[in-house]
């Protein structure tokens, strides 16, 4: 498919006029690789290297391992679709995102491999959204959106078949393939079997207030580690008896990137999800 045609599909289906983001201002060290459009709005086409797209690779973060794997496959005239244009590592706090490797970006140029990013647009409530695909992975029927975020609604309220947080925790661990965190601040019984979900980094007082207002006592998210940034959120959850379950930034957002393979295949383009590694320190 012509690259521009694919980008137009993504623009029409995901990016809304009132959405915004701010990645580009943190990416000075690779500014010369960024498209002019990305420099202006921090979403969409990050690196414009291709005229044709014969295959799309999807990933949560553009790590060295991900980029090297694509190159090792001999890919050319391809696209790396990522949820984030930078790489997350909570252990590097207070600066928790770092940038793509310059040498690998140069090789992507040579092999005509572009990079495309949907952060806020993929978080926005919908079929392919991070929180709704997480809900589906946990067998939760999502019902309505909450949590406004840069012109999107990044959270979901939904109904679970499980009656207790222990049951839901086991389902969560099975879905992500590793241990999860459970901060049991409320009743073990899931009130009305309703839960709130925000994939990635949703452990925030503002969102927890909305969860409390909804009368929900169980919250599923990604980053739950107790630190100076999150302590107020934990204090609020404890005060309002809201259970908080965490499954890491990567693992709670990977389901959207897996689902996007179906999106690209429906457009007639071969697509493959490349797994990354969860940062267990997130929990």
C-alpha atoms as a PDB file:
ATOM      1  CA  UNK A   1       0.000   0.000   0.000  1.00  0.00           C
ATOM      2  CA  UNK A   2       1.149   3.550  -0.611  1.00  0.00           C
ATOM      3  CA  UNK A   3       2.398   4.959   2.671  1.00  0.00           C
ATOM      4  CA  UNK A   4       0.338   8.154   2.359  1.00  0.00           C
ATOM      5  CA  UNK A   5      -2.821   6.115   1.814  1.00  0.00           C
ATOM      6  CA  UNK A   6      -2.186   4.135   4.998  1.00  0.00           C
ATOM      7  CA  UNK A   7      -1.468   7.302   6.990  1.00  0.00           C
ATOM      8  CA  UNK A   8      -4.726   8.807   5.744  1.00  0.00           C
ATOM      9  CA  UNK A   9      -6.642   5.760   7.006  1.00  0.00           C
ATOM     10  CA  UNK A  10      -5.045   6.092  10.449  1.00  0.00           C
ATOM     11  CA  UNK A  11      -5.659   9.835  10.552  1.00  0.00           C
ATOM     12  CA  UNK A  12      -9.337   9.450   9.668  1.00  0.00           C
ATOM     13  CA  UNK A  13      -9.995   6.528  12.014  1.00  0.00           C
ATOM     14  CA  UNK A  14      -8.082   7.636  15.127  1.00  0.00           C
ATOM     15  CA  UNK A  15      -6.936  11.259  15.260  1.00  0.00           C
ATOM     16  CA  UNK A  16      -9.518  13.871  16.291  1.00  0.00           C
ATOM     17  CA  UNK A  17      -9.035  17.668  15.976  1.00  0.00           C
ATOM     18  CA  UNK A  18      -9.181  18.312  19.739  1.00  0.00           C
ATOM     19  CA  UNK A  19      -6.464  15.781  20.613  1.00  0.00           C
ATOM     20  CA  UNK A  20      -2.983  16.937  21.577  1.00  0.00           C
ATOM     21  CA  UNK A  21       0.296  15.565  22.901  1.00  0.00           C
ATOM     22  CA  UNK A  22       3.768  16.848  23.730  1.00  0.00           C
ATOM     23  CA  UNK A  23       6.368  14.166  22.974  1.00  0.00           C
ATOM     24  CA  UNK A  24       8.442  16.149  20.475  1.00  0.00           C
ATOM     25  CA  UNK A  25       9.726  18.691  22.990  1.00  0.00           C
ATOM     26  CA  UNK A  26      11.410  15.861  24.948  1.00  0.00           C
ATOM     27  CA  UNK A  27      13.030  14.320  21.856  1.00  0.00           C
ATOM     28  CA  UNK A  28      15.686  16.953  21.063  1.00  0.00           C
ATOM     29  CA  UNK A  29      18.458  14.374  20.689  1.00  0.00           C
ATOM     30  CA  UNK A  30      16.726  12.781  17.681  1.00  0.00           C
ATOM     31  CA  UNK A  31      15.044  15.911  16.238  1.00  0.00           C
ATOM     32  CA  UNK A  32      16.777  15.442  12.881  1.00  0.00           C
ATOM     33  CA  UNK A  33      14.960  12.115  12.392  1.00  0.00           C
ATOM     34  CA  UNK A  34      11.473  13.431  13.190  1.00  0.00           C
ATOM     35  CA  UNK A  35       8.930  14.418  10.561  1.00  0.00           C
ATOM     36  CA  UNK A  36       7.880  18.068  10.474  1.00  0.00           C
ATOM     37  CA  UNK A  37       4.303  17.059  11.216  1.00  0.00           C
ATOM     38  CA  UNK A  38       5.368  15.170  14.356  1.00  0.00           C
ATOM     39  CA  UNK A  39       7.431  18.121  15.550  1.00  0.00           C
ATOM     40  CA  UNK A  40       4.260  20.216  15.451  1.00  0.00           C
ATOM     41  CA  UNK A  41       1.728  17.881  17.095  1.00  0.00           C
ATOM     42  CA  UNK A  42       3.586  14.875  18.610  1.00  0.00           C
ATOM     43  CA  UNK A  43       1.360  12.239  17.019  1.00  0.00           C
ATOM     44  CA  UNK A  44       1.070  10.403  13.754  1.00  0.00           C
ATOM     45  CA  UNK A  45       4.091   9.917  11.495  1.00  0.00           C
ATOM     46  CA  UNK A  46       7.238  10.051  13.645  1.00  0.00           C
ATOM     47  CA  UNK A  47       9.852   9.131  11.013  1.00  0.00           C
ATOM     48  CA  UNK A  48       8.975   9.465   7.318  1.00  0.00           C
ATOM     49  CA  UNK A  49      11.184   6.935   5.531  1.00  0.00           C
ATOM     50  CA  UNK A  50       8.863   5.017   3.168  1.00  0.00           C
ATOM     51  CA  UNK A  51       6.856   5.510   0.001  1.00  0.00           C
ATOM     52  CA  UNK A  52       5.331   2.028   0.208  1.00  0.00           C
ATOM     53  CA  UNK A  53       4.321  -0.099   3.206  1.00  0.00           C
ATOM     54  CA  UNK A  54       4.416  -3.851   2.625  1.00  0.00           C
ATOM     55  CA  UNK A  55       4.286  -4.885   6.281  1.00  0.00           C
ATOM     56  CA  UNK A  56       3.441  -3.277   9.611  1.00  0.00           C
ATOM     57  CA  UNK A  57       5.114  -4.266  12.871  1.00  0.00           C
ATOM     58  CA  UNK A  58       3.333  -3.174  16.067  1.00  0.00           C
ATOM     59  CA  UNK A  59       4.896  -2.648  19.490  1.00  0.00           C
ATOM     60  CA  UNK A  60       4.236  -0.758  22.711  1.00  0.00           C
ATOM     61  CA  UNK A  61       7.670   0.917  22.890  1.00  0.00           C
ATOM     62  CA  UNK A  62      10.390   1.304  20.191  1.00  0.00           C
ATOM     63  CA  UNK A  63      13.143  -0.384  22.185  1.00  0.00           C
ATOM     64  CA  UNK A  64      16.511  -1.421  20.762  1.00  0.00           C
ATOM     65  CA  UNK A  65      15.397  -5.044  20.906  1.00  0.00           C
ATOM     66  CA  UNK A  66      12.241  -4.316  18.894  1.00  0.00           C
ATOM     67  CA  UNK A  67      14.073  -2.273  16.261  1.00  0.00           C
ATOM     68  CA  UNK A  68      16.887  -4.832  15.944  1.00  0.00           C
ATOM     69  CA  UNK A  69      14.402  -7.657  15.470  1.00  0.00           C
ATOM     70  CA  UNK A  70      12.738  -5.824  12.572  1.00  0.00           C
ATOM     71  CA  UNK A  71      16.114  -5.217  10.925  1.00  0.00           C
ATOM     72  CA  UNK A  72      17.197  -8.821  11.526  1.00  0.00           C
ATOM     73  CA  UNK A  73      14.151  -9.993   9.583  1.00  0.00           C
ATOM     74  CA  UNK A  74      15.452  -8.072   6.585  1.00  0.00           C
ATOM     75  CA  UNK A  75      12.455  -5.745   6.535  1.00  0.00           C
ATOM     76  CA  UNK A  76      12.265  -3.029   3.897  1.00  0.00           C
ATOM     77  CA  UNK A  77       9.424  -0.712   2.870  1.00  0.00           C
ATOM     78  CA  UNK A  78       7.787  -1.334   6.234  1.00  0.00           C
ATOM     79  CA  UNK A  79       6.242   0.494   9.173  1.00  0.00           C
ATOM     80  CA  UNK A  80       6.826   0.253  12.896  1.00  0.00           C
ATOM     81  CA  UNK A  81       3.582   1.261  14.606  1.00  0.00           C
ATOM     82  CA  UNK A  82       4.075   2.122  18.293  1.00  0.00           C
ATOM     83  CA  UNK A  83       1.858   3.300  21.099  1.00  0.00           C
ATOM     84  CA  UNK A  84       4.721   5.416  22.495  1.00  0.00           C
ATOM     85  CA  UNK A  85       7.453   7.101  20.414  1.00  0.00           C
ATOM     86  CA  UNK A  86       9.808   6.906  23.408  1.00  0.00           C
ATOM     87  CA  UNK A  87      10.845   4.076  25.731  1.00  0.00           C
ATOM     88  CA  UNK A  88       9.545   3.716  29.291  1.00  0.00           C
ATOM     89  CA  UNK A  89      11.737   2.757  32.246  1.00  0.00           C
ATOM     90  CA  UNK A  90      10.482   3.690  35.715  1.00  0.00           C
ATOM     91  CA  UNK A  91      13.892   2.844  37.195  1.00  0.00           C
ATOM     92  CA  UNK A  92      15.294   5.935  35.435  1.00  0.00           C
ATOM     93  CA  UNK A  93      12.982   8.250  37.449  1.00  0.00           C
ATOM     94  CA  UNK A  94      12.480  11.182  37.547  1.00  0.00           C
ATOM     95  CA  UNK A  95      13.102  11.026  33.775  1.00  0.00           C
ATOM     96  CA  UNK A  96      11.183   7.859  32.951  1.00  0.00           C
ATOM     97  CA  UNK A  97      11.220   8.028  29.125  1.00  0.00           C
ATOM     98  CA  UNK A  98      14.323   7.795  26.956  1.00  0.00           C
ATOM     99  CA  UNK A  99      14.719   8.045  23.184  1.00  0.00           C
ATOM    100  CA  UNK A 100      15.245   5.683  20.271  1.00  0.00           C
ATOM    101  CA  UNK A 101      18.770   4.703  19.321  1.00  0.00           C
ATOM    102  CA  UNK A 102      20.232   7.008  16.649  1.00  0.00           C
ATOM    103  CA  UNK A 103      22.197   4.283  14.864  1.00  0.00           C
ATOM    104  CA  UNK A 104      19.084   2.149  14.561  1.00  0.00           C
ATOM    105  CA  UNK A 105      17.099   5.136  13.299  1.00  0.00           C
ATOM    106  CA  UNK A 106      19.746   5.600  10.595  1.00  0.00           C
ATOM    107  CA  UNK A 107      19.375   1.949   9.570  1.00  0.00           C
ATOM    108  CA  UNK A 108      15.590   2.384   9.464  1.00  0.00           C
ATOM    109  CA  UNK A 109      16.126   5.251   7.019  1.00  0.00           C
ATOM    110  CA  UNK A 110      18.354   3.100   4.829  1.00  0.00           C
ATOM    111  CA  UNK A 111      15.834   0.247   4.774  1.00  0.00           C
ATOM    112  CA  UNK A 112      12.851   2.563   4.198  1.00  0.00           C
ATOM    113  CA  UNK A 113      11.159   1.678   7.481  1.00  0.00           C
ATOM    114  CA  UNK A 114       8.916   4.431   8.812  1.00  0.00           C
ATOM    115  CA  UNK A 115       7.700   4.861  12.393  1.00  0.00           C
ATOM    116  CA  UNK A 116       4.147   5.862  13.283  1.00  0.00           C
ATOM    117  CA  UNK A 117       2.778   6.680  16.725  1.00  0.00           C
ATOM    118  CA  UNK A 118      -0.706   6.840  18.232  1.00  0.00           C
ATOM    119  CA  UNK A 119      -0.537   7.629  21.938  1.00  0.00           C
ATOM    120  CA  UNK A 120      -3.523   9.757  22.947  1.00  0.00           C
ATOM    121  CA  UNK A 121      -5.588   8.550  19.936  1.00  0.00           C
ATOM    122  CA  UNK A 122      -5.080   4.885  20.877  1.00  0.00           C
ATOM    123  CA  UNK A 123      -5.901   5.594  24.524  1.00  0.00           C
ATOM    124  CA  UNK A 124      -9.220   7.111  23.451  1.00  0.00           C
ATOM    125  CA  UNK A 125     -12.306   4.984  24.246  1.00  0.00           C
ATOM    126  CA  UNK A 126     -13.082   2.736  21.279  1.00  0.00           C
ATOM    127  CA  UNK A 127     -12.685  -0.697  19.712  1.00  0.00           C
ATOM    128  CA  UNK A 128      -8.874  -0.631  19.636  1.00  0.00           C
ATOM    129  CA  UNK A 129      -8.264   1.489  22.721  1.00  0.00           C
ATOM    130  CA  UNK A 130      -5.781   0.476  25.392  1.00  0.00           C
ATOM    131  CA  UNK A 131      -8.329   0.286  28.214  1.00  0.00           C
ATOM    132  CA  UNK A 132     -11.038  -1.475  26.209  1.00  0.00           C
ATOM    133  CA  UNK A 133      -8.683  -4.094  24.793  1.00  0.00           C
ATOM    134  CA  UNK A 134      -7.400  -4.653  28.341  1.00  0.00           C
ATOM    135  CA  UNK A 135     -10.999  -5.095  29.493  1.00  0.00           C
ATOM    136  CA  UNK A 136     -11.603  -7.691  26.762  1.00  0.00           C
ATOM    137  CA  UNK A 137      -8.444  -9.575  27.747  1.00  0.00           C
ATOM    138  CA  UNK A 138      -9.830  -9.790  31.301  1.00  0.00           C
ATOM    139  CA  UNK A 139     -13.306 -10.873  30.178  1.00  0.00           C
ATOM    140  CA  UNK A 140     -14.762  -7.506  31.251  1.00  0.00           C
ATOM    141  CA  UNK A 141     -17.592  -6.021  29.227  1.00  0.00           C
ATOM    142  CA  UNK A 142     -16.737  -2.336  28.895  1.00  0.00           C
ATOM    143  CA  UNK A 143     -19.690   0.033  29.204  1.00  0.00           C
ATOM    144  CA  UNK A 144     -18.713   3.696  29.245  1.00  0.00           C
ATOM    145  CA  UNK A 145     -15.767   6.053  29.164  1.00  0.00           C
ATOM    146  CA  UNK A 146     -14.233   8.287  31.828  1.00  0.00           C
ATOM    147  CA  UNK A 147     -10.914  10.018  32.549  1.00  0.00           C
ATOM    148  CA  UNK A 148     -10.391  12.955  30.128  1.00  0.00           C
ATOM    149  CA  UNK A 149      -6.838  13.073  28.826  1.00  0.00           C
ATOM    150  CA  UNK A 150      -5.402  15.456  26.157  1.00  0.00           C
ATOM    151  CA  UNK A 151      -8.709  15.539  24.295  1.00  0.00           C
ATOM    152  CA  UNK A 152      -9.404  11.812  24.718  1.00  0.00           C
ATOM    153  CA  UNK A 153     -11.221   9.629  27.248  1.00  0.00           C
ATOM    154  CA  UNK A 154      -8.687   7.072  28.398  1.00  0.00           C
ATOM    155  CA  UNK A 155     -10.663   5.052  30.971  1.00  0.00           C
ATOM    156  CA  UNK A 156     -13.462   2.487  30.905  1.00  0.00           C
ATOM    157  CA  UNK A 157     -16.071   1.349  33.384  1.00  0.00           C
ATOM    158  CA  UNK A 158     -17.166  -2.223  32.851  1.00  0.00           C
ATOM    159  CA  UNK A 159     -18.795  -5.334  34.252  1.00  0.00           C
ATOM    160  CA  UNK A 160     -16.818  -8.397  35.316  1.00  0.00           C
ATOM    161  CA  UNK A 161     -17.993 -11.965  35.849  1.00  0.00           C
ATOM    162  CA  UNK A 162     -15.829 -12.119  38.964  1.00  0.00           C
ATOM    163  CA  UNK A 163     -17.182 -11.351  42.410  1.00  0.00           C
ATOM    164  CA  UNK A 164     -13.927 -10.815  44.314  1.00  0.00           C
ATOM    165  CA  UNK A 165     -10.659  -9.004  43.701  1.00  0.00           C
ATOM    166  CA  UNK A 166      -8.774 -12.262  44.294  1.00  0.00           C
ATOM    167  CA  UNK A 167     -10.626 -13.898  41.397  1.00  0.00           C
ATOM    168  CA  UNK A 168      -9.986 -10.883  39.186  1.00  0.00           C
ATOM    169  CA  UNK A 169      -6.308 -10.878  40.184  1.00  0.00           C
ATOM    170  CA  UNK A 170      -5.908 -14.463  38.974  1.00  0.00           C
ATOM    171  CA  UNK A 171      -7.591 -13.549  35.681  1.00  0.00           C
ATOM    172  CA  UNK A 172      -5.266 -10.548  35.372  1.00  0.00           C
ATOM    173  CA  UNK A 173      -2.147 -12.647  35.991  1.00  0.00           C
ATOM    174  CA  UNK A 174      -3.263 -15.199  33.420  1.00  0.00           C
ATOM    175  CA  UNK A 175      -3.845 -12.481  30.803  1.00  0.00           C
ATOM    176  CA  UNK A 176      -0.496 -10.692  31.215  1.00  0.00           C
ATOM    177  CA  UNK A 177       1.584 -13.786  31.950  1.00  0.00           C
ATOM    178  CA  UNK A 178       3.197 -12.588  35.164  1.00  0.00           C
ATOM    179  CA  UNK A 179       2.420 -11.581  38.742  1.00  0.00           C
ATOM    180  CA  UNK A 180       0.392  -8.444  39.243  1.00  0.00           C
ATOM    181  CA  UNK A 181       0.067  -6.098  42.229  1.00  0.00           C
ATOM    182  CA  UNK A 182      -3.012  -5.897  44.414  1.00  0.00           C
ATOM    183  CA  UNK A 183      -3.379  -3.033  46.872  1.00  0.00           C
ATOM    184  CA  UNK A 184      -6.344  -4.342  48.838  1.00  0.00           C
ATOM    185  CA  UNK A 185      -7.648  -1.033  50.171  1.00  0.00           C
ATOM    186  CA  UNK A 186     -11.331  -1.978  50.114  1.00  0.00           C
ATOM    187  CA  UNK A 187     -13.666  -4.920  50.416  1.00  0.00           C
ATOM    188  CA  UNK A 188     -12.555  -8.073  48.645  1.00  0.00           C
ATOM    189  CA  UNK A 189     -16.024  -8.180  47.126  1.00  0.00           C
ATOM    190  CA  UNK A 190     -16.244  -6.246  43.856  1.00  0.00           C
ATOM    191  CA  UNK A 191     -19.179  -3.895  44.360  1.00  0.00           C
ATOM    192  CA  UNK A 192     -21.942  -4.680  41.845  1.00  0.00           C
ATOM    193  CA  UNK A 193     -19.239  -6.534  39.861  1.00  0.00           C
ATOM    194  CA  UNK A 194     -18.254  -3.208  38.262  1.00  0.00           C
ATOM    195  CA  UNK A 195     -14.662  -2.181  37.729  1.00  0.00           C
ATOM    196  CA  UNK A 196     -12.752   0.804  36.358  1.00  0.00           C
ATOM    197  CA  UNK A 197      -9.828   0.386  33.981  1.00  0.00           C
ATOM    198  CA  UNK A 198      -7.099   2.695  32.732  1.00  0.00           C
ATOM    199  CA  UNK A 199      -4.290   0.907  30.917  1.00  0.00           C
ATOM    200  CA  UNK A 200      -0.793   2.294  31.456  1.00  0.00           C
ATOM    201  CA  UNK A 201      -0.426   5.137  33.954  1.00  0.00           C
ATOM    202  CA  UNK A 202      -3.830   5.837  35.436  1.00  0.00           C
ATOM    203  CA  UNK A 203      -3.103   5.810  39.149  1.00  0.00           C
ATOM    204  CA  UNK A 204      -3.978   9.469  39.690  1.00  0.00           C
ATOM    205  CA  UNK A 205      -6.133  11.240  42.291  1.00  0.00           C
ATOM    206  CA  UNK A 206      -8.198  12.984  39.597  1.00  0.00           C
ATOM    207  CA  UNK A 207      -9.224   9.656  38.064  1.00  0.00           C
ATOM    208  CA  UNK A 208      -9.685   7.930  41.400  1.00  0.00           C
ATOM    209  CA  UNK A 209     -12.119  10.707  42.352  1.00  0.00           C
ATOM    210  CA  UNK A 210     -14.187   9.867  39.263  1.00  0.00           C
ATOM    211  CA  UNK A 211     -14.089   6.185  40.230  1.00  0.00           C
ATOM    212  CA  UNK A 212     -15.246   7.009  43.758  1.00  0.00           C
ATOM    213  CA  UNK A 213     -18.038   9.223  42.373  1.00  0.00           C
ATOM    214  CA  UNK A 214     -19.194   6.280  40.233  1.00  0.00           C
ATOM    215  CA  UNK A 215     -19.421   4.074  43.338  1.00  0.00           C
ATOM    216  CA  UNK A 216     -16.841   1.607  42.017  1.00  0.00           C
ATOM    217  CA  UNK A 217     -14.427  -0.018  44.472  1.00  0.00           C
ATOM    218  CA  UNK A 218     -12.022  -1.853  42.127  1.00  0.00           C
ATOM    219  CA  UNK A 219      -9.525  -0.220  39.751  1.00  0.00           C
ATOM    220  CA  UNK A 220      -7.322  -1.995  37.184  1.00  0.00           C
ATOM    221  CA  UNK A 221      -4.344  -0.081  35.804  1.00  0.00           C
ATOM    222  CA  UNK A 222      -0.686  -0.479  34.852  1.00  0.00           C
ATOM    223  CA  UNK A 223       1.649   1.595  37.035  1.00  0.00           C
ATOM    224  CA  UNK A 224       0.978   1.259  40.758  1.00  0.00           C
ATOM    225  CA  UNK A 225       4.438   1.517  42.347  1.00  0.00           C
ATOM    226  CA  UNK A 226       4.441   3.587  45.527  1.00  0.00           C
ATOM    227  CA  UNK A 227       6.687   6.616  45.130  1.00  0.00           C
ATOM    228  CA  UNK A 228       6.596  10.386  45.589  1.00  0.00           C
ATOM    229  CA  UNK A 229       4.557  10.752  42.399  1.00  0.00           C
ATOM    230  CA  UNK A 230       1.873   8.220  43.347  1.00  0.00           C
ATOM    231  CA  UNK A 231       1.643   8.454  47.131  1.00  0.00           C
ATOM    232  CA  UNK A 232      -1.348  10.823  47.078  1.00  0.00           C
ATOM    233  CA  UNK A 233      -3.197   8.441  44.758  1.00  0.00           C
ATOM    234  CA  UNK A 234      -2.548   5.528  47.103  1.00  0.00           C
ATOM    235  CA  UNK A 235      -3.671   7.615  50.085  1.00  0.00           C
ATOM    236  CA  UNK A 236      -6.869   8.556  48.254  1.00  0.00           C
ATOM    237  CA  UNK A 237      -7.586   4.953  47.223  1.00  0.00           C
ATOM    238  CA  UNK A 238      -7.069   3.778  50.807  1.00  0.00           C
ATOM    239  CA  UNK A 239      -9.289   6.529  52.236  1.00  0.00           C
ATOM    240  CA  UNK A 240     -12.085   5.765  49.745  1.00  0.00           C
ATOM    241  CA  UNK A 241     -11.637   1.981  50.006  1.00  0.00           C
ATOM    242  CA  UNK A 242     -10.789   1.457  46.325  1.00  0.00           C
ATOM    243  CA  UNK A 243      -8.810  -1.679  45.492  1.00  0.00           C
ATOM    244  CA  UNK A 244      -5.987  -0.993  43.025  1.00  0.00           C
ATOM    245  CA  UNK A 245      -4.602  -3.687  40.732  1.00  0.00           C
ATOM    246  CA  UNK A 246      -1.492  -3.065  38.637  1.00  0.00           C
ATOM    247  CA  UNK A 247      -0.111  -5.070  35.717  1.00  0.00           C
ATOM    248  CA  UNK A 248       2.760  -2.823  34.458  1.00  0.00           C
ATOM    249  CA  UNK A 249       2.769  -0.109  31.840  1.00  0.00           C
ATOM    250  CA  UNK A 250       3.773  -2.469  29.041  1.00  0.00           C
ATOM    251  CA  UNK A 251       1.512  -5.425  29.802  1.00  0.00           C
ATOM    252  CA  UNK A 252      -1.701  -3.426  30.187  1.00  0.00           C
ATOM    253  CA  UNK A 253      -1.143  -1.602  26.890  1.00  0.00           C
ATOM    254  CA  UNK A 254       0.101  -4.486  24.743  1.00  0.00           C
ATOM    255  CA  UNK A 255      -3.433  -5.722  23.977  1.00  0.00           C
ATOM    256  CA  UNK A 256      -4.174  -2.582  21.947  1.00  0.00           C
ATOM    257  CA  UNK A 257      -1.043  -3.106  19.854  1.00  0.00           C
ATOM    258  CA  UNK A 258      -2.001  -6.744  19.320  1.00  0.00           C
ATOM    259  CA  UNK A 259      -5.504  -5.660  18.270  1.00  0.00           C
ATOM    260  CA  UNK A 260      -4.063  -3.141  15.812  1.00  0.00           C
ATOM    261  CA  UNK A 261      -2.676  -6.044  13.783  1.00  0.00           C
ATOM    262  CA  UNK A 262      -6.265  -6.898  12.894  1.00  0.00           C
ATOM    263  CA  UNK A 263      -6.849  -3.280  11.880  1.00  0.00           C
ATOM    264  CA  UNK A 264      -3.932  -3.364   9.434  1.00  0.00           C
ATOM    265  CA  UNK A 265      -4.855  -6.796   8.113  1.00  0.00           C
ATOM    266  CA  UNK A 266      -8.358  -5.512   7.330  1.00  0.00           C
ATOM    267  CA  UNK A 267      -6.656  -2.908   5.149  1.00  0.00           C
ATOM    268  CA  UNK A 268      -4.875  -5.723   3.337  1.00  0.00           C
ATOM    269  CA  UNK A 269      -1.435  -5.243   4.913  1.00  0.00           C
ATOM    270  CA  UNK A 270       0.563  -8.006   6.579  1.00  0.00           C
ATOM    271  CA  UNK A 271       1.019  -7.210  10.262  1.00  0.00           C
ATOM    272  CA  UNK A 272       2.894  -8.660  13.224  1.00  0.00           C
ATOM    273  CA  UNK A 273       3.019  -7.763  16.923  1.00  0.00           C
ATOM    274  CA  UNK A 274       6.507  -7.832  18.424  1.00  0.00           C
ATOM    275  CA  UNK A 275       6.442  -8.577  22.164  1.00  0.00           C
ATOM    276  CA  UNK A 276       8.485  -6.487  24.562  1.00  0.00           C
ATOM    277  CA  UNK A 277       9.323  -6.934  28.234  1.00  0.00           C
ATOM    278  CA  UNK A 278       7.236  -5.701  31.170  1.00  0.00           C
ATOM    279  CA  UNK A 279       8.940  -3.520  33.758  1.00  0.00           C
ATOM    280  CA  UNK A 280       7.886  -5.273  36.937  1.00  0.00           C
ATOM    281  CA  UNK A 281       9.163  -2.292  38.933  1.00  0.00           C
ATOM    282  CA  UNK A 282       6.007  -0.468  37.701  1.00  0.00           C
ATOM    283  CA  UNK A 283       3.933  -2.333  40.265  1.00  0.00           C
END
